Amino acid sequence: MTVLIWLLILPALLFAAIRLGGLDRGPLVQLLAFTPYVAAWSLLPMALAFATRRWSAAALALAVVVAFAAFVLPRAIPGGRGPSDGVTLRVMTSNLMLGGADADAVVKLVREHDVDVLALQEFTPDAKDALAKAGLDELLPYASLADEPGASGSGLYSRFPIGQARSSRNPGGFQQAYGVIQPPGAGALLIGSAHPLAPSEVKVGRAWREDLADEPKADPDGTPRILLGDFNATLDHAPLRELIASGYRDAGAATGHGFTPTWPYVGHGHLPKITIDHVLVDKRIGVREMEVHPVPKTDHRAIVAELTVPKA
């Protein structure tokens, strides 16, 4: 029993050390996505150690559990929502899975939740046509679009006029659409549809890190920014935490929904579900609510968030 307990503790201890040190390199990038599951599993050796009175092992197991709790529990506890005074802005992001997502379902979410800004990833010319046919252009008549066949396209739709509409291709090859909007009564806001490369193979790990490093950092002295989309990273990945630390807040963690998974919901049935889609907002922007919704024919859940943006 003593040997078994130590064999259970040591992998969890190693995993916690890797997470604490931000050592997500090589295959560890994929493994760290499942940190919440390892955190739950770490309770087992602690319970065994205490139950069998192996006190040295119990002390170490408790330390590991406390470390994991520090990593993951804050995202399940509402807090840090930011300012509550300002102009309400509702945003939504959806990865369309090579453009194949159900366009009517996407437009229905936009209509039912009174969405002001919609960010799309894996946005194809066929998806653009399908969304237009479903009535998206009537709800959100302004756009900054970079639709392409395959997984690299990106788009932004808005209820309000979009200035400085543009797109840029990140090092991993994905387009990211940007634009500046100014809701009535509010100041200007820079919006970006984020889509870093997925770390699907060890060999693309460097490009994945470069893509996340390439995302626009928060600028406390400039126009407030909102980045939303498929970041292909969880809150346990160091590059995403570094981006947030530049001056963003994660809407999921702020509302206590940081554990709510967004992928995978089509295919990849062997994988536990994880949270790789995010809404990041400048610290000057408050987060009131966040919800995750299924969309047929895509492996990602859509996120809808209600924000409070600074008044003009």
C-alpha atoms as a PDB file:
ATOM      1  CA  MET A   1       0.000   0.000   0.000  1.00  0.00           C
ATOM      2  CA  THR A   2       2.847   2.388   0.789  1.00  0.00           C
ATOM      3  CA  VAL A   3       4.447   1.732  -2.597  1.00  0.00           C
ATOM      4  CA  LEU A   4       1.099   2.150  -4.349  1.00  0.00           C
ATOM      5  CA  ILE A   5       0.415   5.466  -2.644  1.00  0.00           C
ATOM      6  CA  TRP A   6       3.834   6.849  -3.574  1.00  0.00           C
ATOM      7  CA  LEU A   7       3.414   5.644  -7.167  1.00  0.00           C
ATOM      8  CA  LEU A   8       0.150   7.583  -7.298  1.00  0.00           C
ATOM      9  CA  ILE A   9       1.537  10.736  -5.676  1.00  0.00           C
ATOM     10  CA  LEU A  10       4.716  11.188  -7.697  1.00  0.00           C
ATOM     11  CA  PRO A  11       3.093  11.603 -11.156  1.00  0.00           C
ATOM     12  CA  ALA A  12       0.673  14.162  -9.724  1.00  0.00           C
ATOM     13  CA  LEU A  13       3.571  15.960  -8.038  1.00  0.00           C
ATOM     14  CA  LEU A  14       5.506  16.055 -11.306  1.00  0.00           C
ATOM     15  CA  PHE A  15       2.455  17.308 -13.204  1.00  0.00           C
ATOM     16  CA  ALA A  16       1.888  20.068 -10.640  1.00  0.00           C
ATOM     17  CA  ALA A  17       5.538  21.124 -10.900  1.00  0.00           C
ATOM     18  CA  ILE A  18       5.284  21.325 -14.696  1.00  0.00           C
ATOM     19  CA  ARG A  19       2.115  23.423 -14.459  1.00  0.00           C
ATOM     20  CA  LEU A  20       3.628  25.699 -11.813  1.00  0.00           C
ATOM     21  CA  GLY A  21       6.781  26.216 -13.845  1.00  0.00           C
ATOM     22  CA  GLY A  22       4.928  26.877 -17.106  1.00  0.00           C
ATOM     23  CA  LEU A  23       6.940  24.119 -18.773  1.00  0.00           C
ATOM     24  CA  ASP A  24       4.481  23.393 -21.555  1.00  0.00           C
ATOM     25  CA  ARG A  25       6.804  22.119 -24.248  1.00  0.00           C
ATOM     26  CA  GLY A  26       6.560  19.172 -26.617  1.00  0.00           C
ATOM     27  CA  PRO A  27       3.903  16.619 -25.603  1.00  0.00           C
ATOM     28  CA  LEU A  28       3.384  18.459 -22.329  1.00  0.00           C
ATOM     29  CA  VAL A  29       1.398  21.115 -24.215  1.00  0.00           C
ATOM     30  CA  GLN A  30      -1.397  18.653 -24.899  1.00  0.00           C
ATOM     31  CA  LEU A  31      -1.200  17.049 -21.462  1.00  0.00           C
ATOM     32  CA  LEU A  32      -1.539  20.355 -19.613  1.00  0.00           C
ATOM     33  CA  ALA A  33      -4.907  20.919 -21.266  1.00  0.00           C
ATOM     34  CA  PHE A  34      -6.258  18.218 -18.958  1.00  0.00           C
ATOM     35  CA  THR A  35      -4.973  19.752 -15.701  1.00  0.00           C
ATOM     36  CA  PRO A  36      -8.462  19.928 -14.088  1.00  0.00           C
ATOM     37  CA  TYR A  37      -8.843  16.173 -14.559  1.00  0.00           C
ATOM     38  CA  VAL A  38      -5.432  15.508 -12.993  1.00  0.00           C
ATOM     39  CA  ALA A  39      -6.377  17.846 -10.140  1.00  0.00           C
ATOM     40  CA  ALA A  40      -9.454  15.734  -9.411  1.00  0.00           C
ATOM     41  CA  TRP A  41      -7.419  12.526  -9.648  1.00  0.00           C
ATOM     42  CA  SER A  42      -4.849  13.859  -7.154  1.00  0.00           C
ATOM     43  CA  LEU A  43      -7.473  13.518  -4.414  1.00  0.00           C
ATOM     44  CA  LEU A  44      -7.179   9.729  -4.642  1.00  0.00           C
ATOM     45  CA  PRO A  45      -3.624   9.283  -3.299  1.00  0.00           C
ATOM     46  CA  MET A  46      -4.311  11.886  -0.609  1.00  0.00           C
ATOM     47  CA  ALA A  47      -7.405   9.996   0.546  1.00  0.00           C
ATOM     48  CA  LEU A  48      -5.530   6.688   0.534  1.00  0.00           C
ATOM     49  CA  ALA A  49      -2.601   8.137   2.464  1.00  0.00           C
ATOM     50  CA  PHE A  50      -4.785   9.639   5.180  1.00  0.00           C
ATOM     51  CA  ALA A  51      -7.001   6.579   5.363  1.00  0.00           C
ATOM     52  CA  THR A  52      -3.993   4.285   5.897  1.00  0.00           C
ATOM     53  CA  ARG A  53      -2.121   6.765   8.115  1.00  0.00           C
ATOM     54  CA  ARG A  54       0.940   7.090   5.910  1.00  0.00           C
ATOM     55  CA  TRP A  55       1.587  10.548   7.284  1.00  0.00           C
ATOM     56  CA  SER A  56       4.645  11.508   5.217  1.00  0.00           C
ATOM     57  CA  ALA A  57       2.880  10.531   2.032  1.00  0.00           C
ATOM     58  CA  ALA A  58      -0.303  12.227   3.243  1.00  0.00           C
ATOM     59  CA  ALA A  59       1.540  15.518   3.844  1.00  0.00           C
ATOM     60  CA  LEU A  60       3.030  15.514   0.354  1.00  0.00           C
ATOM     61  CA  ALA A  61      -0.262  14.453  -1.238  1.00  0.00           C
ATOM     62  CA  LEU A  62      -2.030  17.284   0.591  1.00  0.00           C
ATOM     63  CA  ALA A  63       0.536  19.766  -0.699  1.00  0.00           C
ATOM     64  CA  VAL A  64      -0.073  18.548  -4.262  1.00  0.00           C
ATOM     65  CA  VAL A  65      -3.845  18.889  -3.846  1.00  0.00           C
ATOM     66  CA  VAL A  66      -3.442  22.417  -2.463  1.00  0.00           C
ATOM     67  CA  ALA A  67      -1.247  23.344  -5.441  1.00  0.00           C
ATOM     68  CA  PHE A  68      -3.826  22.064  -7.914  1.00  0.00           C
ATOM     69  CA  ALA A  69      -6.578  23.853  -6.021  1.00  0.00           C
ATOM     70  CA  ALA A  70      -4.660  27.111  -6.350  1.00  0.00           C
ATOM     71  CA  PHE A  71      -4.362  26.520 -10.100  1.00  0.00           C
ATOM     72  CA  VAL A  72      -7.908  25.541 -10.957  1.00  0.00           C
ATOM     73  CA  LEU A  73     -10.417  26.563  -8.268  1.00  0.00           C
ATOM     74  CA  PRO A  74     -10.334  30.340  -8.909  1.00  0.00           C
ATOM     75  CA  ARG A  75     -11.840  29.830 -12.356  1.00  0.00           C
ATOM     76  CA  ALA A  76     -14.892  28.178 -10.760  1.00  0.00           C
ATOM     77  CA  ILE A  77     -15.493  30.997  -8.250  1.00  0.00           C
ATOM     78  CA  PRO A  78     -17.080  34.190  -9.607  1.00  0.00           C
ATOM     79  CA  GLY A  79     -14.902  37.206  -8.982  1.00  0.00           C
ATOM     80  CA  GLY A  80     -13.011  39.945 -10.735  1.00  0.00           C
ATOM     81  CA  ARG A  81     -15.919  40.804 -13.007  1.00  0.00           C
ATOM     82  CA  GLY A  82     -14.654  44.371 -13.335  1.00  0.00           C
ATOM     83  CA  PRO A  83     -16.665  47.587 -13.750  1.00  0.00           C
ATOM     84  CA  SER A  84     -20.446  47.367 -13.589  1.00  0.00           C
ATOM     85  CA  ASP A  85     -21.071  50.926 -14.732  1.00  0.00           C
ATOM     86  CA  GLY A  86     -21.047  51.464 -18.453  1.00  0.00           C
ATOM     87  CA  VAL A  87     -22.700  50.480 -21.734  1.00  0.00           C
ATOM     88  CA  THR A  88     -23.920  46.907 -22.234  1.00  0.00           C
ATOM     89  CA  LEU A  89     -22.321  44.990 -25.104  1.00  0.00           C
ATOM     90  CA  ARG A  90     -23.177  41.376 -25.955  1.00  0.00           C
ATOM     91  CA  VAL A  91     -20.559  39.391 -27.840  1.00  0.00           C
ATOM     92  CA  MET A  92     -20.477  35.869 -29.228  1.00  0.00           C
ATOM     93  CA  THR A  93     -17.798  33.617 -30.698  1.00  0.00           C
ATOM     94  CA  SER A  94     -18.190  30.388 -32.652  1.00  0.00           C
ATOM     95  CA  ASN A  95     -15.763  28.088 -34.453  1.00  0.00           C
ATOM     96  CA  LEU A  96     -17.638  26.844 -37.524  1.00  0.00           C
ATOM     97  CA  MET A  97     -15.603  23.629 -38.061  1.00  0.00           C
ATOM     98  CA  LEU A  98     -14.417  24.167 -41.629  1.00  0.00           C
ATOM     99  CA  GLY A  99     -17.494  26.295 -42.276  1.00  0.00           C
ATOM    100  CA  GLY A 100     -19.870  23.389 -41.744  1.00  0.00           C
ATOM    101  CA  ALA A 101     -21.708  24.605 -38.634  1.00  0.00           C
ATOM    102  CA  ASP A 102     -25.478  24.998 -38.824  1.00  0.00           C
ATOM    103  CA  ALA A 103     -25.911  28.592 -40.023  1.00  0.00           C
ATOM    104  CA  ASP A 104     -29.535  28.780 -38.879  1.00  0.00           C
ATOM    105  CA  ALA A 105     -28.482  27.768 -35.343  1.00  0.00           C
ATOM    106  CA  VAL A 106     -25.757  30.425 -35.268  1.00  0.00           C
ATOM    107  CA  VAL A 107     -28.151  33.137 -36.412  1.00  0.00           C
ATOM    108  CA  LYS A 108     -30.775  31.928 -33.923  1.00  0.00           C
ATOM    109  CA  LEU A 109     -28.305  32.412 -31.066  1.00  0.00           C
ATOM    110  CA  VAL A 110     -27.466  35.892 -32.333  1.00  0.00           C
ATOM    111  CA  ARG A 111     -31.146  36.795 -32.476  1.00  0.00           C
ATOM    112  CA  GLU A 112     -32.207  35.229 -29.166  1.00  0.00           C
ATOM    113  CA  HIS A 113     -29.316  36.740 -27.192  1.00  0.00           C
ATOM    114  CA  ASP A 114     -29.428  40.121 -28.899  1.00  0.00           C
ATOM    115  CA  VAL A 115     -25.751  39.775 -29.849  1.00  0.00           C
ATOM    116  CA  ASP A 116     -23.978  42.972 -30.900  1.00  0.00           C
ATOM    117  CA  VAL A 117     -20.674  41.490 -32.109  1.00  0.00           C
ATOM    118  CA  LEU A 118     -20.067  38.012 -33.540  1.00  0.00           C
ATOM    119  CA  ALA A 119     -16.592  36.526 -34.037  1.00  0.00           C
ATOM    120  CA  LEU A 120     -16.185  33.482 -36.279  1.00  0.00           C
ATOM    121  CA  GLN A 121     -13.313  31.082 -36.860  1.00  0.00           C
ATOM    122  CA  GLU A 122     -12.874  28.477 -39.610  1.00  0.00           C
ATOM    123  CA  PHE A 123     -15.016  30.885 -41.596  1.00  0.00           C
ATOM    124  CA  THR A 124     -15.353  29.846 -45.243  1.00  0.00           C
ATOM    125  CA  PRO A 125     -16.985  31.453 -48.309  1.00  0.00           C
ATOM    126  CA  ASP A 126     -19.734  28.813 -48.142  1.00  0.00           C
ATOM    127  CA  ALA A 127     -20.327  29.652 -44.469  1.00  0.00           C
ATOM    128  CA  LYS A 128     -20.566  33.347 -45.343  1.00  0.00           C
ATOM    129  CA  ASP A 129     -23.239  32.603 -47.944  1.00  0.00           C
ATOM    130  CA  ALA A 130     -25.148  30.286 -45.611  1.00  0.00           C
ATOM    131  CA  LEU A 131     -25.149  32.845 -42.805  1.00  0.00           C
ATOM    132  CA  ALA A 132     -26.347  35.552 -45.172  1.00  0.00           C
ATOM    133  CA  LYS A 133     -29.157  33.280 -46.340  1.00  0.00           C
ATOM    134  CA  ALA A 134     -30.089  32.630 -42.686  1.00  0.00           C
ATOM    135  CA  GLY A 135     -30.454  36.382 -42.118  1.00  0.00           C
ATOM    136  CA  LEU A 136     -27.243  37.306 -40.297  1.00  0.00           C
ATOM    137  CA  ASP A 137     -26.609  40.387 -42.452  1.00  0.00           C
ATOM    138  CA  GLU A 138     -29.956  41.834 -41.356  1.00  0.00           C
ATOM    139  CA  LEU A 139     -29.094  41.464 -37.672  1.00  0.00           C
ATOM    140  CA  LEU A 140     -25.420  42.444 -37.896  1.00  0.00           C
ATOM    141  CA  PRO A 141     -25.041  44.530 -41.072  1.00  0.00           C
ATOM    142  CA  TYR A 142     -21.390  45.564 -40.623  1.00  0.00           C
ATOM    143  CA  ALA A 143     -18.486  43.186 -41.075  1.00  0.00           C
ATOM    144  CA  SER A 144     -14.733  42.655 -41.249  1.00  0.00           C
ATOM    145  CA  LEU A 145     -14.304  39.407 -43.159  1.00  0.00           C
ATOM    146  CA  ALA A 146     -11.395  37.206 -44.185  1.00  0.00           C
ATOM    147  CA  ASP A 147     -13.205  34.086 -45.349  1.00  0.00           C
ATOM    148  CA  GLU A 148     -11.101  31.308 -46.816  1.00  0.00           C
ATOM    149  CA  PRO A 149     -11.681  27.650 -47.641  1.00  0.00           C
ATOM    150  CA  GLY A 150     -10.593  25.239 -44.931  1.00  0.00           C
ATOM    151  CA  ALA A 151      -9.758  26.175 -41.338  1.00  0.00           C
ATOM    152  CA  SER A 152      -7.915  29.474 -41.820  1.00  0.00           C
ATOM    153  CA  GLY A 153     -10.769  31.945 -42.389  1.00  0.00           C
ATOM    154  CA  SER A 154     -11.943  34.520 -39.857  1.00  0.00           C
ATOM    155  CA  GLY A 155     -14.786  36.977 -39.551  1.00  0.00           C
ATOM    156  CA  LEU A 156     -16.367  39.706 -37.447  1.00  0.00           C
ATOM    157  CA  TYR A 157     -19.970  40.862 -37.723  1.00  0.00           C
ATOM    158  CA  SER A 158     -21.321  43.872 -35.830  1.00  0.00           C
ATOM    159  CA  ARG A 159     -24.529  45.731 -35.122  1.00  0.00           C
ATOM    160  CA  PHE A 160     -22.480  48.935 -35.211  1.00  0.00           C
ATOM    161  CA  PRO A 161     -20.260  50.353 -37.966  1.00  0.00           C
ATOM    162  CA  ILE A 162     -16.784  48.822 -38.080  1.00  0.00           C
ATOM    163  CA  GLY A 163     -13.825  51.099 -38.635  1.00  0.00           C
ATOM    164  CA  GLN A 164     -10.276  50.052 -39.504  1.00  0.00           C
ATOM    165  CA  ALA A 165     -11.561  46.684 -40.751  1.00  0.00           C
ATOM    166  CA  ARG A 166      -8.638  44.418 -41.509  1.00  0.00           C
ATOM    167  CA  SER A 167      -7.260  40.955 -41.055  1.00  0.00           C
ATOM    168  CA  SER A 168      -3.796  39.578 -40.435  1.00  0.00           C
ATOM    169  CA  ARG A 169      -2.394  36.107 -40.891  1.00  0.00           C
ATOM    170  CA  ASN A 170      -0.687  34.784 -37.793  1.00  0.00           C
ATOM    171  CA  PRO A 171       2.537  32.732 -37.956  1.00  0.00           C
ATOM    172  CA  GLY A 172       0.527  29.497 -37.889  1.00  0.00           C
ATOM    173  CA  GLY A 173      -1.322  30.477 -41.067  1.00  0.00           C
ATOM    174  CA  PHE A 174      -4.750  31.456 -39.717  1.00  0.00           C
ATOM    175  CA  GLN A 175      -6.442  34.739 -40.543  1.00  0.00           C
ATOM    176  CA  GLN A 176      -7.656  36.914 -37.674  1.00  0.00           C
ATOM    177  CA  ALA A 177     -10.248  39.593 -38.417  1.00  0.00           C
ATOM    178  CA  TYR A 178     -10.135  42.907 -36.558  1.00  0.00           C
ATOM    179  CA  GLY A 179     -12.153  46.081 -36.396  1.00  0.00           C
ATOM    180  CA  VAL A 180     -12.966  49.107 -34.242  1.00  0.00           C
ATOM    181  CA  ILE A 181     -16.534  49.714 -33.131  1.00  0.00           C
ATOM    182  CA  GLN A 182     -18.168  52.437 -31.051  1.00  0.00           C
ATOM    183  CA  PRO A 183     -21.520  51.434 -29.539  1.00  0.00           C
ATOM    184  CA  PRO A 184     -23.887  54.354 -28.855  1.00  0.00           C
ATOM    185  CA  GLY A 185     -22.847  56.085 -25.650  1.00  0.00           C
ATOM    186  CA  ALA A 186     -19.575  54.165 -25.413  1.00  0.00           C
ATOM    187  CA  GLY A 187     -15.995  54.814 -26.373  1.00  0.00           C
ATOM    188  CA  ALA A 188     -14.178  53.048 -29.188  1.00  0.00           C
ATOM    189  CA  LEU A 189     -13.335  49.355 -28.825  1.00  0.00           C
ATOM    190  CA  LEU A 190     -10.876  47.203 -30.754  1.00  0.00           C
ATOM    191  CA  ILE A 191     -12.331  43.737 -31.450  1.00  0.00           C
ATOM    192  CA  GLY A 192     -10.376  40.723 -32.683  1.00  0.00           C
ATOM    193  CA  SER A 193     -11.439  37.214 -33.741  1.00  0.00           C
ATOM    194  CA  ALA A 194      -8.635  35.094 -32.285  1.00  0.00           C
ATOM    195  CA  HIS A 195      -7.512  31.753 -33.708  1.00  0.00           C
ATOM    196  CA  PRO A 196      -3.986  30.596 -32.865  1.00  0.00           C
ATOM    197  CA  LEU A 197      -2.764  27.351 -34.360  1.00  0.00           C
ATOM    198  CA  ALA A 198      -3.834  24.158 -32.563  1.00  0.00           C
ATOM    199  CA  PRO A 199      -0.990  22.202 -30.871  1.00  0.00           C
ATOM    200  CA  SER A 200      -2.256  19.001 -32.487  1.00  0.00           C
ATOM    201  CA  GLU A 201       1.258  17.642 -33.017  1.00  0.00           C
ATOM    202  CA  VAL A 202       4.503  18.057 -31.132  1.00  0.00           C
ATOM    203  CA  LYS A 203       6.201  19.548 -34.205  1.00  0.00           C
ATOM    204  CA  VAL A 204       3.829  22.553 -34.280  1.00  0.00           C
ATOM    205  CA  GLY A 205       4.386  23.476 -30.631  1.00  0.00           C
ATOM    206  CA  ARG A 206       6.706  26.359 -31.474  1.00  0.00           C
ATOM    207  CA  ALA A 207       4.249  27.821 -33.999  1.00  0.00           C
ATOM    208  CA  TRP A 208       1.457  27.516 -31.408  1.00  0.00           C
ATOM    209  CA  ARG A 209       3.504  29.516 -28.906  1.00  0.00           C
ATOM    210  CA  GLU A 210       4.371  32.100 -31.559  1.00  0.00           C
ATOM    211  CA  ASP A 211       0.703  32.528 -32.449  1.00  0.00           C
ATOM    212  CA  LEU A 212      -0.304  33.145 -28.845  1.00  0.00           C
ATOM    213  CA  ALA A 213       2.618  35.528 -28.365  1.00  0.00           C
ATOM    214  CA  ASP A 214       1.492  37.349 -31.530  1.00  0.00           C
ATOM    215  CA  GLU A 215      -1.981  38.100 -30.151  1.00  0.00           C
ATOM    216  CA  PRO A 216      -2.492  41.812 -29.388  1.00  0.00           C
ATOM    217  CA  LYS A 217      -1.524  42.570 -25.809  1.00  0.00           C
ATOM    218  CA  ALA A 218      -3.790  44.714 -23.695  1.00  0.00           C
ATOM    219  CA  ASP A 219      -2.910  48.408 -23.888  1.00  0.00           C
ATOM    220  CA  PRO A 220      -3.980  50.253 -20.727  1.00  0.00           C
ATOM    221  CA  ASP A 221      -3.201  53.598 -22.356  1.00  0.00           C
ATOM    222  CA  GLY A 222      -4.860  52.850 -25.687  1.00  0.00           C
ATOM    223  CA  THR A 223      -8.198  51.705 -27.058  1.00  0.00           C
ATOM    224  CA  PRO A 224      -9.774  48.981 -24.870  1.00  0.00           C
ATOM    225  CA  ARG A 225      -9.535  45.581 -26.555  1.00  0.00           C
ATOM    226  CA  ILE A 226     -11.684  42.488 -26.727  1.00  0.00           C
ATOM    227  CA  LEU A 227     -10.237  39.247 -28.074  1.00  0.00           C
ATOM    228  CA  LEU A 228     -12.634  36.360 -28.496  1.00  0.00           C
ATOM    229  CA  GLY A 229     -12.419  33.083 -30.307  1.00  0.00           C
ATOM    230  CA  ASP A 230     -10.798  29.677 -30.402  1.00  0.00           C
ATOM    231  CA  PHE A 231      -7.470  30.183 -28.626  1.00  0.00           C
ATOM    232  CA  ASN A 232      -6.542  26.480 -28.778  1.00  0.00           C
ATOM    233  CA  ALA A 233      -5.273  26.884 -25.211  1.00  0.00           C
ATOM    234  CA  THR A 234      -6.662  26.513 -21.707  1.00  0.00           C
ATOM    235  CA  LEU A 235      -6.005  28.628 -18.647  1.00  0.00           C
ATOM    236  CA  ASP A 236      -3.354  26.077 -17.689  1.00  0.00           C
ATOM    237  CA  HIS A 237      -1.141  26.976 -20.662  1.00  0.00           C
ATOM    238  CA  ALA A 238       1.540  29.521 -19.853  1.00  0.00           C
ATOM    239  CA  PRO A 239       1.341  31.472 -23.163  1.00  0.00           C
ATOM    240  CA  LEU A 240      -2.365  32.173 -22.647  1.00  0.00           C
ATOM    241  CA  ARG A 241      -1.808  33.155 -19.030  1.00  0.00           C
ATOM    242  CA  GLU A 242       0.939  35.535 -20.160  1.00  0.00           C
ATOM    243  CA  LEU A 243      -1.439  37.126 -22.681  1.00  0.00           C
ATOM    244  CA  ILE A 244      -4.108  37.586 -20.004  1.00  0.00           C
ATOM    245  CA  ALA A 245      -1.526  39.015 -17.608  1.00  0.00           C
ATOM    246  CA  SER A 246      -0.859  41.849 -20.071  1.00  0.00           C
ATOM    247  CA  GLY A 247      -4.135  43.391 -18.908  1.00  0.00           C
ATOM    248  CA  TYR A 248      -7.074  41.168 -19.846  1.00  0.00           C
ATOM    249  CA  ARG A 249      -9.666  39.283 -17.818  1.00  0.00           C
ATOM    250  CA  ASP A 250     -11.104  35.943 -18.918  1.00  0.00           C
ATOM    251  CA  ALA A 251     -14.911  36.083 -19.017  1.00  0.00           C
ATOM    252  CA  GLY A 252     -15.263  32.427 -18.025  1.00  0.00           C
ATOM    253  CA  ALA A 253     -13.066  32.720 -14.943  1.00  0.00           C
ATOM    254  CA  ALA A 254     -14.660  36.046 -13.963  1.00  0.00           C
ATOM    255  CA  THR A 255     -18.164  34.541 -13.957  1.00  0.00           C
ATOM    256  CA  GLY A 256     -17.241  31.202 -12.386  1.00  0.00           C
ATOM    257  CA  HIS A 257     -17.630  29.307 -15.676  1.00  0.00           C
ATOM    258  CA  GLY A 258     -13.948  28.709 -16.249  1.00  0.00           C
ATOM    259  CA  PHE A 259     -14.449  24.939 -16.178  1.00  0.00           C
ATOM    260  CA  THR A 260     -17.261  24.943 -18.732  1.00  0.00           C
ATOM    261  CA  PRO A 261     -15.881  22.932 -21.667  1.00  0.00           C
ATOM    262  CA  THR A 262     -16.105  24.150 -25.249  1.00  0.00           C
ATOM    263  CA  TRP A 263     -14.398  21.324 -27.208  1.00  0.00           C
ATOM    264  CA  PRO A 264     -14.638  18.581 -28.585  1.00  0.00           C
ATOM    265  CA  TYR A 265     -18.313  17.885 -29.300  1.00  0.00           C
ATOM    266  CA  VAL A 266     -17.987  16.215 -32.718  1.00  0.00           C
ATOM    267  CA  GLY A 267     -15.395  13.482 -33.208  1.00  0.00           C
ATOM    268  CA  HIS A 268     -12.454  12.987 -30.845  1.00  0.00           C
ATOM    269  CA  GLY A 269     -14.754  10.891 -28.667  1.00  0.00           C
ATOM    270  CA  HIS A 270     -11.792   9.515 -26.724  1.00  0.00           C
ATOM    271  CA  LEU A 271     -10.757  12.956 -25.439  1.00  0.00           C
ATOM    272  CA  PRO A 272     -12.085  14.544 -22.234  1.00  0.00           C
ATOM    273  CA  LYS A 273     -13.756  17.875 -22.931  1.00  0.00           C
ATOM    274  CA  ILE A 274     -11.718  21.015 -22.267  1.00  0.00           C
ATOM    275  CA  THR A 275     -12.055  24.805 -22.400  1.00  0.00           C
ATOM    276  CA  ILE A 276     -10.152  26.305 -25.337  1.00  0.00           C
ATOM    277  CA  ASP A 277     -12.575  29.020 -26.488  1.00  0.00           C
ATOM    278  CA  HIS A 278     -12.408  32.269 -24.546  1.00  0.00           C
ATOM    279  CA  VAL A 279     -13.590  35.856 -24.328  1.00  0.00           C
ATOM    280  CA  LEU A 280     -10.770  38.108 -23.127  1.00  0.00           C
ATOM    281  CA  VAL A 281     -11.588  41.699 -22.249  1.00  0.00           C
ATOM    282  CA  ASP A 282      -9.524  44.705 -21.255  1.00  0.00           C
ATOM    283  CA  LYS A 283      -9.478  45.316 -17.486  1.00  0.00           C
ATOM    284  CA  ARG A 284     -11.494  48.499 -18.125  1.00  0.00           C
ATOM    285  CA  ILE A 285     -14.357  46.306 -19.380  1.00  0.00           C
ATOM    286  CA  GLY A 286     -16.655  44.447 -16.990  1.00  0.00           C
ATOM    287  CA  VAL A 287     -18.090  40.963 -17.459  1.00  0.00           C
ATOM    288  CA  ARG A 288     -21.680  40.500 -16.330  1.00  0.00           C
ATOM    289  CA  GLU A 289     -22.635  37.061 -17.674  1.00  0.00           C
ATOM    290  CA  MET A 290     -21.257  34.269 -19.861  1.00  0.00           C
ATOM    291  CA  GLU A 291     -22.999  31.233 -21.349  1.00  0.00           C
ATOM    292  CA  VAL A 292     -21.901  28.334 -23.547  1.00  0.00           C
ATOM    293  CA  HIS A 293     -24.275  26.981 -26.216  1.00  0.00           C
ATOM    294  CA  PRO A 294     -24.232  23.969 -28.545  1.00  0.00           C
ATOM    295  CA  VAL A 295     -24.180  24.543 -32.296  1.00  0.00           C
ATOM    296  CA  PRO A 296     -24.990  21.579 -34.544  1.00  0.00           C
ATOM    297  CA  LYS A 297     -22.337  20.355 -36.997  1.00  0.00           C
ATOM    298  CA  THR A 298     -19.356  21.878 -35.231  1.00  0.00           C
ATOM    299  CA  ASP A 299     -17.055  20.438 -32.588  1.00  0.00           C
ATOM    300  CA  HIS A 300     -16.962  23.720 -30.628  1.00  0.00           C
ATOM    301  CA  ARG A 301     -19.563  25.231 -28.344  1.00  0.00           C
ATOM    302  CA  ALA A 302     -20.363  28.900 -28.899  1.00  0.00           C
ATOM    303  CA  ILE A 303     -19.773  31.458 -26.141  1.00  0.00           C
ATOM    304  CA  VAL A 304     -22.106  34.382 -25.488  1.00  0.00           C
ATOM    305  CA  ALA A 305     -20.939  37.026 -23.005  1.00  0.00           C
ATOM    306  CA  GLU A 306     -22.573  40.180 -21.697  1.00  0.00           C
ATOM    307  CA  LEU A 307     -20.032  42.921 -21.100  1.00  0.00           C
ATOM    308  CA  THR A 308     -20.017  46.437 -19.671  1.00  0.00           C
ATOM    309  CA  VAL A 309     -17.818  48.744 -21.738  1.00  0.00           C
ATOM    310  CA  PRO A 310     -16.650  52.257 -20.779  1.00  0.00           C
ATOM    311  CA  LYS A 311     -18.926  55.170 -21.525  1.00  0.00           C
ATOM    312  CA  ALA A 312     -17.788  57.771 -24.003  1.00  0.00           C
END
